[in-house]
Amino acid sequence: MIKIWWIILSVPLLLNINQVYAQDVSETKEKKSRKEKKKEPPRKGSLYLSPVPVIGANPAFGFIYGAGASASWFLGDPASTKISNALLGVAFTTRKQTIITVKSTVYGEDNGYMLLGDWRFLNSSQPTWGLGTGPQSARLADNDFGFDDGSIEGNSEADMMEFKFFRFYETFLKQIGDKPIYAGLGLHVDLFNDISDQLLDLTADPPVITPYYAYNVKYGFKQEESTLVGLSLNGVYDSRDNVNNPYTGRYAMFNFKINPEFLGSDQNSTQLWLEYRDYFNFTDDHKNILGVWTYANLTVSGNLPYMNLPAIGWDQYSKSGEPYSQGRFRGAQLLFAGVEYRKHLWATANNPRFFGMILYLNATTASGKGNDIGLFEYVEPGIGGGLRININKKARTNIGIDYGWGNYGTTGFFLRLNENF
């Protein structure tokens, strides 16, 4: 009788031991499977996600907190298809801003086509600043209806203008022949709403006039909102080996945008964007690279809404113009050029590109519209450096931490995903 009860009581115990053993074996196999997957070479459909908390600072936004991610994937055989990438971010700032962005560069199978995306929603604020480069651009407002004297002092740069902003840019380009040359069309929508120009005070004696207000009055735009909708003709040459962190190759872009009133734009206008990037290796192992980036953003005809005038930091990935704030320099014509030295510093057993550094030097010039500031009349320099931490070696995804110095006492701290260009 005792033996029977012993057997009856032992059955659940044995089953439990067997279950625990099976679970341990299963977990061990799962761990091995994950390790094996990490060692697998990239293939069609491979997806690399690099989620990171967003904690940092930016001169335009103050302290930033939220979540971001870099998603990289292959739509075709990696031997013949470049890696695609999308940067996603949801962030909030100490200046009561909400920033939601999705920015992407997608390569179709065998690089047969490209998709360039820039989607944004901002419930934000920025200083307006003056137009053009030079001392005049540092003025936030004037005591008359001009731009040339009576600057207002003692006002915070953080709360000059509040607005809501929606952007939808999507460009499709088809490969032409066997070379990495693409041509295609784009749709571009920019909507600014609920604009509050906080420094403006028309009741003061004399009135406090901001560059934003004066420009809108002179060229016939609304003060509270603006709309720009355009179609673009595009040409791209892209021989870069990786969009996240290029070691070799070149990138050149031609973009001509037409913004007609019949599509919803406030006024008829046209714009031209010309861009070039190149990468020079000092060593064969790609551990010492000099990157070059330059672009021209030009108003060809008509008048653009103030917030759509060419401005630093308003490129696709919002990475030009360090150490200056986004929108710090703005004008009818804008040129930017920069060089960046990238050096590998330290490898780990699992990641040969784990830690590195960069040094950068750039320059910006912009013309004023209506204030006789010419292109190249003033050139604003930027200089700085940063650290790079590789968080996904297969996708070459880096976290970048940069700091820099510029004119007018400007300093800036930037937290980045992927390289600046």
Protein backbone atom coordinates (compact mmCIF):
# COMPACT_ATOMS: atom_id res chain seq x y z
CA MET A 1 0.00 0.00 0.00
CA ILE A 2 2.83 2.38 0.91
CA LYS A 3 4.55 1.65 -2.39
CA ILE A 4 1.36 2.48 -4.32
CA TRP A 5 0.98 5.85 -2.54
CA TRP A 6 4.67 6.55 -3.09
CA ILE A 7 4.22 5.95 -6.81
CA ILE A 8 1.08 8.11 -6.93
CA LEU A 9 2.81 10.98 -5.11
CA SER A 10 5.97 10.65 -7.20
CA VAL A 11 4.24 10.94 -10.57
CA PRO A 12 3.57 14.74 -10.33
CA LEU A 13 7.06 15.29 -8.96
CA LEU A 14 8.65 13.35 -11.80
CA LEU A 15 6.47 15.16 -14.32
CA ASN A 16 7.50 18.48 -12.81
CA ILE A 17 11.19 17.55 -12.88
CA ASN A 18 10.80 16.43 -16.48
CA GLN A 19 9.00 19.68 -17.33
CA VAL A 20 11.76 21.79 -15.70
CA TYR A 21 14.41 19.76 -17.54
CA ALA A 22 12.56 20.17 -20.84
CA GLN A 23 12.20 23.90 -20.18
CA ASP A 24 15.94 24.21 -19.45
CA VAL A 25 16.77 22.33 -22.63
CA SER A 26 14.34 24.52 -24.57
CA GLU A 27 15.82 27.74 -23.12
CA THR A 28 19.34 26.51 -23.88
CA LYS A 29 18.35 25.75 -27.47
CA GLU A 30 16.67 29.16 -27.74
CA LYS A 31 19.81 30.91 -26.47
CA LYS A 32 21.92 28.96 -28.93
CA SER A 33 19.46 29.81 -31.68
CA ARG A 34 19.69 33.53 -30.86
CA LYS A 35 23.48 33.38 -30.83
CA GLU A 36 23.50 31.52 -34.14
CA LYS A 37 21.13 34.09 -35.68
CA LYS A 38 23.44 36.88 -34.57
CA LYS A 39 26.30 35.16 -36.36
CA GLU A 40 24.30 34.59 -39.55
CA PRO A 41 25.34 36.73 -42.51
CA PRO A 42 22.75 39.24 -43.78
CA ARG A 43 20.18 37.92 -46.27
CA LYS A 44 17.06 39.15 -48.03
CA GLY A 45 14.53 40.13 -45.39
CA SER A 46 17.09 40.61 -42.62
CA LEU A 47 15.91 43.27 -40.19
CA TYR A 48 18.09 45.09 -37.66
CA LEU A 49 16.37 47.13 -34.96
CA SER A 50 18.31 49.45 -32.68
CA PRO A 51 15.92 51.04 -30.17
CA VAL A 52 17.44 53.65 -27.89
CA PRO A 53 16.13 56.07 -25.29
CA VAL A 54 16.32 59.66 -26.46
CA ILE A 55 18.07 61.70 -23.81
CA GLY A 56 19.98 64.72 -24.91
CA ALA A 57 20.01 68.40 -25.67
CA ASN A 58 19.74 70.62 -28.71
CA PRO A 59 19.99 74.41 -28.90
CA ALA A 60 16.60 74.66 -30.59
CA PHE A 61 14.76 72.29 -28.24
CA GLY A 62 16.48 72.32 -24.83
CA PHE A 63 16.58 69.02 -22.89
CA ILE A 64 15.05 66.18 -24.92
CA TYR A 65 13.62 62.89 -23.65
CA GLY A 66 11.73 60.14 -25.43
CA ALA A 67 12.35 57.05 -27.53
CA GLY A 68 13.99 56.53 -30.89
CA ALA A 69 14.93 53.65 -33.13
CA SER A 70 16.96 52.87 -36.21
CA ALA A 71 15.44 50.15 -38.38
CA SER A 72 17.63 48.72 -41.16
CA TRP A 73 16.68 45.95 -43.57
CA PHE A 74 17.40 44.34 -46.93
CA LEU A 75 14.69 44.19 -49.61
CA GLY A 76 16.89 42.00 -51.77
CA ASP A 77 20.07 39.93 -51.73
CA PRO A 78 22.68 41.93 -49.74
CA ALA A 79 25.23 41.09 -52.42
CA SER A 80 23.30 43.24 -54.89
CA THR A 81 20.99 45.36 -52.70
CA LYS A 82 21.97 48.17 -50.35
CA ILE A 83 20.67 48.27 -46.83
CA SER A 84 17.58 50.43 -46.25
CA ASN A 85 17.09 52.52 -43.15
CA ALA A 86 14.40 54.41 -41.28
CA LEU A 87 14.93 56.61 -38.25
CA LEU A 88 11.90 56.89 -35.98
CA GLY A 89 11.58 59.19 -33.02
CA VAL A 90 9.03 60.37 -30.47
CA ALA A 91 10.41 63.02 -28.15
CA PHE A 92 9.35 65.67 -25.69
CA THR A 93 11.36 68.64 -24.46
CA THR A 94 11.64 70.93 -21.49
CA ARG A 95 10.38 73.70 -23.75
CA LYS A 96 6.99 71.96 -23.96
CA GLN A 97 7.55 70.57 -27.43
CA THR A 98 6.41 67.34 -29.05
CA ILE A 99 8.50 65.98 -31.92
CA ILE A 100 7.47 62.95 -34.00
CA THR A 101 9.62 62.03 -37.00
CA VAL A 102 10.02 59.23 -39.52
CA LYS A 103 12.91 59.69 -41.96
CA SER A 104 13.81 56.97 -44.42
CA THR A 105 16.02 55.92 -47.32
CA VAL A 106 14.79 52.71 -48.94
CA TYR A 107 16.50 50.68 -51.69
CA GLY A 108 14.41 48.23 -53.72
CA GLU A 109 15.61 44.78 -54.74
CA ASP A 110 18.91 44.95 -56.65
CA ASN A 111 18.80 48.72 -56.02
CA GLY A 112 16.18 49.04 -58.76
CA TYR A 113 14.52 52.02 -57.08
CA MET A 114 14.89 54.42 -54.16
CA LEU A 115 12.34 55.95 -51.78
CA LEU A 116 13.29 59.05 -49.80
CA GLY A 117 10.92 59.93 -46.96
CA ASP A 118 10.71 62.78 -44.48
CA TRP A 119 7.59 62.82 -42.28
CA ARG A 120 7.31 65.11 -39.27
CA PHE A 121 4.85 66.44 -36.74
CA LEU A 122 6.06 69.18 -34.40
CA ASN A 123 4.19 71.00 -31.69
CA SER A 124 7.16 73.21 -31.19
CA SER A 125 8.84 76.57 -30.74
CA GLN A 126 11.89 78.23 -32.23
CA PRO A 127 13.49 81.67 -32.33
CA THR A 128 12.77 83.55 -35.55
CA TRP A 129 16.15 85.31 -35.94
CA GLY A 130 17.00 87.76 -38.72
CA LEU A 131 17.45 86.83 -42.36
CA GLY A 132 20.82 86.14 -43.96
CA THR A 133 24.14 85.48 -42.25
CA GLY A 134 26.21 88.06 -40.38
CA PRO A 135 25.61 90.22 -37.26
CA GLN A 136 22.18 91.15 -38.53
CA SER A 137 21.05 87.53 -38.23
CA ALA A 138 21.59 87.64 -34.46
CA ARG A 139 18.81 90.18 -33.97
CA LEU A 140 15.55 88.72 -32.75
CA ALA A 141 13.52 91.91 -33.28
CA ASP A 142 13.77 95.61 -34.05
CA ASN A 143 12.15 98.76 -32.75
CA ASP A 144 11.07 99.86 -36.20
CA PHE A 145 9.85 98.27 -39.40
CA GLY A 146 13.34 97.53 -40.66
CA PHE A 147 15.99 95.01 -39.79
CA ASP A 148 18.94 97.28 -39.27
CA ASP A 149 18.84 98.85 -35.81
CA GLY A 150 17.34 98.80 -32.33
CA SER A 151 17.82 95.14 -31.44
CA ILE A 152 15.80 93.88 -28.49
CA GLU A 153 17.81 92.44 -25.60
CA GLY A 154 16.97 90.43 -22.51
CA ASN A 155 14.54 88.02 -24.18
CA SER A 156 14.80 84.25 -24.02
CA GLU A 157 15.61 82.54 -27.29
CA ALA A 158 13.45 79.60 -26.23
CA ASP A 159 10.02 81.17 -26.59
CA MET A 160 10.14 83.50 -29.58
CA MET A 161 7.68 81.58 -31.78
CA GLU A 162 5.31 78.69 -31.15
CA PHE A 163 3.75 76.64 -33.96
CA LYS A 164 2.39 73.30 -35.10
CA PHE A 165 4.06 71.80 -38.13
CA PHE A 166 3.22 68.86 -40.38
CA ARG A 167 5.53 67.66 -43.16
CA PHE A 168 5.04 64.88 -45.69
CA TYR A 169 7.87 64.45 -48.21
CA GLU A 170 8.11 61.31 -50.32
CA THR A 171 10.26 60.89 -53.42
CA PHE A 172 10.34 57.88 -55.74
CA LEU A 173 13.37 57.38 -57.98
CA LYS A 174 13.95 54.65 -60.56
CA GLN A 175 17.40 53.37 -61.49
CA ILE A 176 18.54 54.37 -64.97
CA GLY A 177 20.68 51.70 -66.66
CA ASP A 178 23.31 49.70 -64.76
CA LYS A 179 24.94 52.65 -62.98
CA PRO A 180 23.80 53.93 -59.54
CA ILE A 181 21.92 56.76 -61.23
CA TYR A 182 18.27 57.45 -60.39
CA ALA A 183 15.55 59.78 -61.62
CA GLY A 184 12.06 60.36 -60.30
CA LEU A 185 9.30 62.53 -58.87
CA GLY A 186 8.48 63.76 -55.38
CA LEU A 187 5.53 65.15 -53.44
CA HIS A 188 6.23 67.73 -50.74
CA VAL A 189 3.71 69.13 -48.23
CA ASP A 190 4.53 71.64 -45.46
CA LEU A 191 1.77 72.97 -43.20
CA PHE A 192 2.42 75.50 -40.41
CA ASN A 193 -0.53 76.29 -38.12
CA ASP A 194 -1.27 78.13 -34.87
CA ILE A 195 1.84 80.29 -35.21
CA SER A 196 2.28 82.57 -32.20
CA ASP A 197 5.02 85.20 -32.63
CA GLN A 198 5.61 85.87 -28.94
CA LEU A 199 8.15 88.67 -29.18
CA LEU A 200 5.97 90.72 -31.52
CA ASP A 201 4.38 93.72 -29.76
CA LEU A 202 2.56 96.16 -32.02
CA THR A 203 1.18 98.11 -29.02
CA ALA A 204 4.59 99.15 -27.74
CA ASP A 205 5.99 102.60 -28.49
CA PRO A 206 7.81 102.14 -30.77
CA PRO A 207 6.36 98.77 -31.92
CA VAL A 208 8.50 95.65 -31.47
CA ILE A 209 8.72 94.10 -34.95
CA THR A 210 10.10 90.60 -35.55
CA PRO A 211 11.75 89.54 -38.83
CA TYR A 212 8.93 87.03 -39.28
CA TYR A 213 6.21 89.69 -39.04
CA ALA A 214 8.00 92.19 -41.27
CA TYR A 215 8.66 89.57 -43.97
CA ASN A 216 5.03 88.46 -44.03
CA VAL A 217 3.75 92.02 -44.34
CA LYS A 218 6.21 92.87 -47.10
CA TYR A 219 5.52 89.76 -49.20
CA GLY A 220 1.84 89.22 -48.45
CA PHE A 221 1.78 86.10 -46.26
CA LYS A 222 -0.50 85.32 -43.31
CA GLN A 223 0.90 85.67 -39.80
CA GLU A 224 -0.82 82.65 -38.21
CA GLU A 225 -0.31 79.93 -40.83
CA SER A 226 1.34 78.98 -44.11
CA THR A 227 1.03 76.24 -46.71
CA LEU A 228 3.55 75.01 -49.26
CA VAL A 229 2.72 72.09 -51.55
CA GLY A 230 5.06 71.11 -54.34
CA LEU A 231 6.03 68.53 -56.94
CA SER A 232 9.69 67.87 -57.65
CA LEU A 233 11.91 66.53 -60.41
CA ASN A 234 14.85 64.58 -58.98
CA GLY A 235 18.13 63.04 -60.03
CA VAL A 236 20.43 61.07 -57.72
CA TYR A 237 23.83 59.42 -58.04
CA ASP A 238 24.46 57.08 -55.09
CA SER A 239 27.45 54.72 -54.93
CA ARG A 240 27.71 54.70 -51.11
CA ASP A 241 28.28 51.29 -49.58
CA ASN A 242 26.00 51.94 -46.60
CA VAL A 243 23.45 54.68 -45.93
CA ASN A 244 23.88 54.60 -42.13
CA ASN A 245 27.64 54.96 -41.99
CA PRO A 246 29.37 55.13 -45.40
CA TYR A 247 32.99 54.02 -45.77
CA THR A 248 33.23 54.54 -49.54
CA GLY A 249 31.28 55.99 -52.44
CA ARG A 250 29.68 59.26 -53.46
CA TYR A 251 26.25 60.82 -53.29
CA ALA A 252 24.92 63.64 -55.45
CA MET A 253 21.38 64.98 -55.69
CA PHE A 254 19.48 67.37 -57.92
CA ASN A 255 15.99 68.44 -56.79
CA PHE A 256 13.87 71.05 -58.57
CA LYS A 257 10.60 71.78 -56.79
CA ILE A 258 7.57 73.59 -58.21
CA ASN A 259 5.09 74.99 -55.66
CA PRO A 260 1.96 76.15 -57.53
CA GLU A 261 -1.01 77.87 -55.96
CA PHE A 262 -3.43 75.42 -57.60
CA LEU A 263 -1.99 72.63 -55.41
CA GLY A 264 -2.57 74.69 -52.27
CA SER A 265 0.60 76.77 -51.88
CA ASP A 266 0.11 80.30 -50.56
CA GLN A 267 2.05 81.70 -53.53
CA ASN A 268 3.69 80.35 -56.69
CA SER A 269 7.40 79.61 -56.28
CA THR A 270 10.20 77.30 -57.37
CA GLN A 271 13.22 75.93 -55.47
CA LEU A 272 16.47 74.17 -56.33
CA TRP A 273 18.43 71.77 -54.11
CA LEU A 274 21.95 70.65 -55.13
CA GLU A 275 23.91 68.28 -52.86
CA TYR A 276 27.21 66.37 -52.91
CA ARG A 277 28.87 63.95 -50.45
CA ASP A 278 32.16 62.09 -50.72
CA TYR A 279 34.35 59.85 -48.51
CA PHE A 280 38.16 59.58 -48.61
CA ASN A 281 39.98 56.75 -46.83
CA PHE A 282 43.48 57.34 -45.46
CA THR A 283 43.90 53.63 -44.65
CA ASP A 284 42.65 50.46 -46.35
CA ASP A 285 40.74 49.27 -43.25
CA HIS A 286 38.29 52.25 -43.34
CA LYS A 287 39.36 53.37 -39.86
CA ASN A 288 40.45 56.86 -40.90
CA ILE A 289 37.95 58.61 -43.15
CA LEU A 290 37.49 62.19 -44.29
CA GLY A 291 33.88 62.93 -45.22
CA VAL A 292 32.84 65.95 -47.29
CA TRP A 293 29.27 67.31 -47.46
CA THR A 294 28.00 70.37 -49.27
CA TYR A 295 24.61 71.56 -50.45
CA ALA A 296 22.91 74.61 -51.94
CA ASN A 297 19.27 75.39 -51.15
CA LEU A 298 18.10 78.13 -53.50
CA THR A 299 14.89 80.06 -54.12
CA VAL A 300 14.68 80.26 -57.90
CA SER A 301 11.48 82.24 -58.38
CA GLY A 302 8.60 83.70 -56.39
CA ASN A 303 8.34 84.09 -52.62
CA LEU A 304 8.41 81.30 -50.05
CA PRO A 305 6.66 81.45 -46.67
CA TYR A 306 9.10 82.62 -44.01
CA MET A 307 9.36 79.21 -42.31
CA ASN A 308 10.01 77.53 -45.68
CA LEU A 309 12.90 79.78 -46.66
CA PRO A 310 16.15 77.81 -46.95
CA ALA A 311 17.45 77.35 -43.40
CA ILE A 312 20.21 75.46 -41.65
CA GLY A 313 19.17 72.19 -40.01
CA TRP A 314 16.09 71.68 -42.22
CA ASP A 315 17.69 69.01 -44.46
CA GLN A 316 16.11 65.52 -44.62
CA TYR A 317 17.76 64.25 -41.44
CA SER A 318 18.12 67.65 -39.70
CA LYS A 319 21.86 67.21 -39.28
CA SER A 320 23.45 70.18 -41.01
CA GLY A 321 24.82 73.27 -39.30
CA GLU A 322 26.23 72.01 -36.00
CA PRO A 323 26.66 73.70 -33.54
CA TYR A 324 23.87 76.12 -34.48
CA SER A 325 20.17 75.75 -33.72
CA GLN A 326 17.82 74.51 -36.40
CA GLY A 327 16.72 77.58 -38.36
CA ARG A 328 19.50 79.76 -36.92
CA PHE A 329 20.48 80.98 -40.42
CA ARG A 330 17.74 81.50 -42.97
CA GLY A 331 17.51 83.32 -46.29
CA ALA A 332 16.42 83.25 -49.93
CA GLN A 333 19.65 81.41 -50.84
CA LEU A 334 21.72 79.23 -48.52
CA LEU A 335 24.98 77.32 -48.98
CA PHE A 336 26.47 74.83 -46.52
CA ALA A 337 29.80 73.00 -46.66
CA GLY A 338 31.46 70.78 -44.10
CA VAL A 339 34.26 68.26 -43.59
CA GLU A 340 34.35 65.55 -40.95
CA TYR A 341 37.30 63.39 -39.90
CA ARG A 342 36.21 60.00 -38.54
CA LYS A 343 38.62 57.77 -36.64
CA HIS A 344 38.17 54.32 -35.14
CA LEU A 345 39.59 54.15 -31.60
CA TRP A 346 38.67 50.91 -29.86
CA ALA A 347 37.40 47.44 -30.72
CA THR A 348 35.85 44.73 -28.56
CA ALA A 349 35.92 40.97 -29.01
CA ASN A 350 32.43 41.05 -30.56
CA ASN A 351 32.56 44.40 -32.35
CA PRO A 352 35.62 45.60 -34.29
CA ARG A 353 34.04 49.08 -34.75
CA PHE A 354 32.70 49.62 -31.26
CA PHE A 355 34.12 53.04 -30.38
CA GLY A 356 35.33 56.02 -32.41
CA MET A 357 35.53 59.78 -32.63
CA ILE A 358 34.94 62.59 -35.11
CA LEU A 359 36.20 66.14 -35.64
CA TYR A 360 34.25 68.53 -37.85
CA LEU A 361 34.52 71.95 -39.46
CA ASN A 362 31.76 73.61 -41.46
CA ALA A 363 30.60 76.95 -42.86
CA THR A 364 27.23 78.46 -43.76
CA THR A 365 26.30 81.50 -45.80
CA ALA A 366 22.81 82.83 -46.56
CA SER A 367 21.40 85.85 -48.37
CA GLY A 368 18.72 88.05 -46.85
CA LYS A 369 15.52 88.76 -48.74
CA GLY A 370 14.70 92.44 -48.60
CA ASN A 371 17.65 93.50 -46.43
CA ASP A 372 20.53 93.62 -48.95
CA ILE A 373 22.54 90.79 -47.37
CA GLY A 374 24.31 88.99 -50.20
CA LEU A 375 25.41 85.38 -50.45
CA PHE A 376 29.06 85.04 -49.26
CA GLU A 377 28.91 88.50 -47.67
CA TYR A 378 29.10 86.76 -44.28
CA VAL A 379 30.25 83.17 -43.64
CA GLU A 380 29.41 81.54 -40.30
CA PRO A 381 31.85 78.82 -39.14
CA GLY A 382 31.17 75.81 -36.93
CA ILE A 383 33.77 73.60 -35.27
CA GLY A 384 33.53 70.66 -32.90
CA GLY A 385 33.99 66.99 -32.20
CA GLY A 386 32.18 63.95 -30.95
CA LEU A 387 32.19 60.30 -29.93
CA ARG A 388 30.72 57.34 -31.80
CA ILE A 389 29.41 54.11 -30.25
CA ASN A 390 28.44 51.31 -32.63
CA ILE A 391 25.29 49.53 -31.40
CA ASN A 392 24.70 47.30 -34.43
CA LYS A 393 27.74 46.20 -36.41
CA LYS A 394 25.81 44.55 -39.27
CA ALA A 395 23.71 47.66 -39.96
CA ARG A 396 26.59 50.01 -38.96
CA THR A 397 24.24 51.88 -36.63
CA ASN A 398 26.06 54.42 -34.46
CA ILE A 399 25.06 56.60 -31.56
CA GLY A 400 26.74 59.99 -31.97
CA ILE A 401 27.43 62.50 -29.20
CA ASP A 402 28.67 65.84 -30.56
CA TYR A 403 29.64 69.20 -29.11
CA GLY A 404 30.64 72.33 -30.99
CA TRP A 405 31.28 76.07 -31.05
CA GLY A 406 30.25 78.84 -33.45
CA ASN A 407 29.87 82.62 -33.74
CA TYR A 408 27.87 84.87 -31.38
CA GLY A 409 28.77 82.74 -28.35
CA THR A 410 27.04 79.70 -29.83
CA THR A 411 27.68 76.27 -28.33
CA GLY A 412 25.69 73.14 -28.99
CA PHE A 413 25.32 69.56 -27.72
CA PHE A 414 23.76 66.99 -30.07
CA LEU A 415 22.73 63.35 -29.64
CA ARG A 416 22.48 61.48 -32.96
CA LEU A 417 21.54 58.11 -34.44
CA ASN A 418 23.78 57.20 -37.42
CA GLU A 419 26.38 59.46 -38.96
CA ASN A 420 25.64 63.08 -39.81
CA PHE A 421 26.09 62.26 -43.52
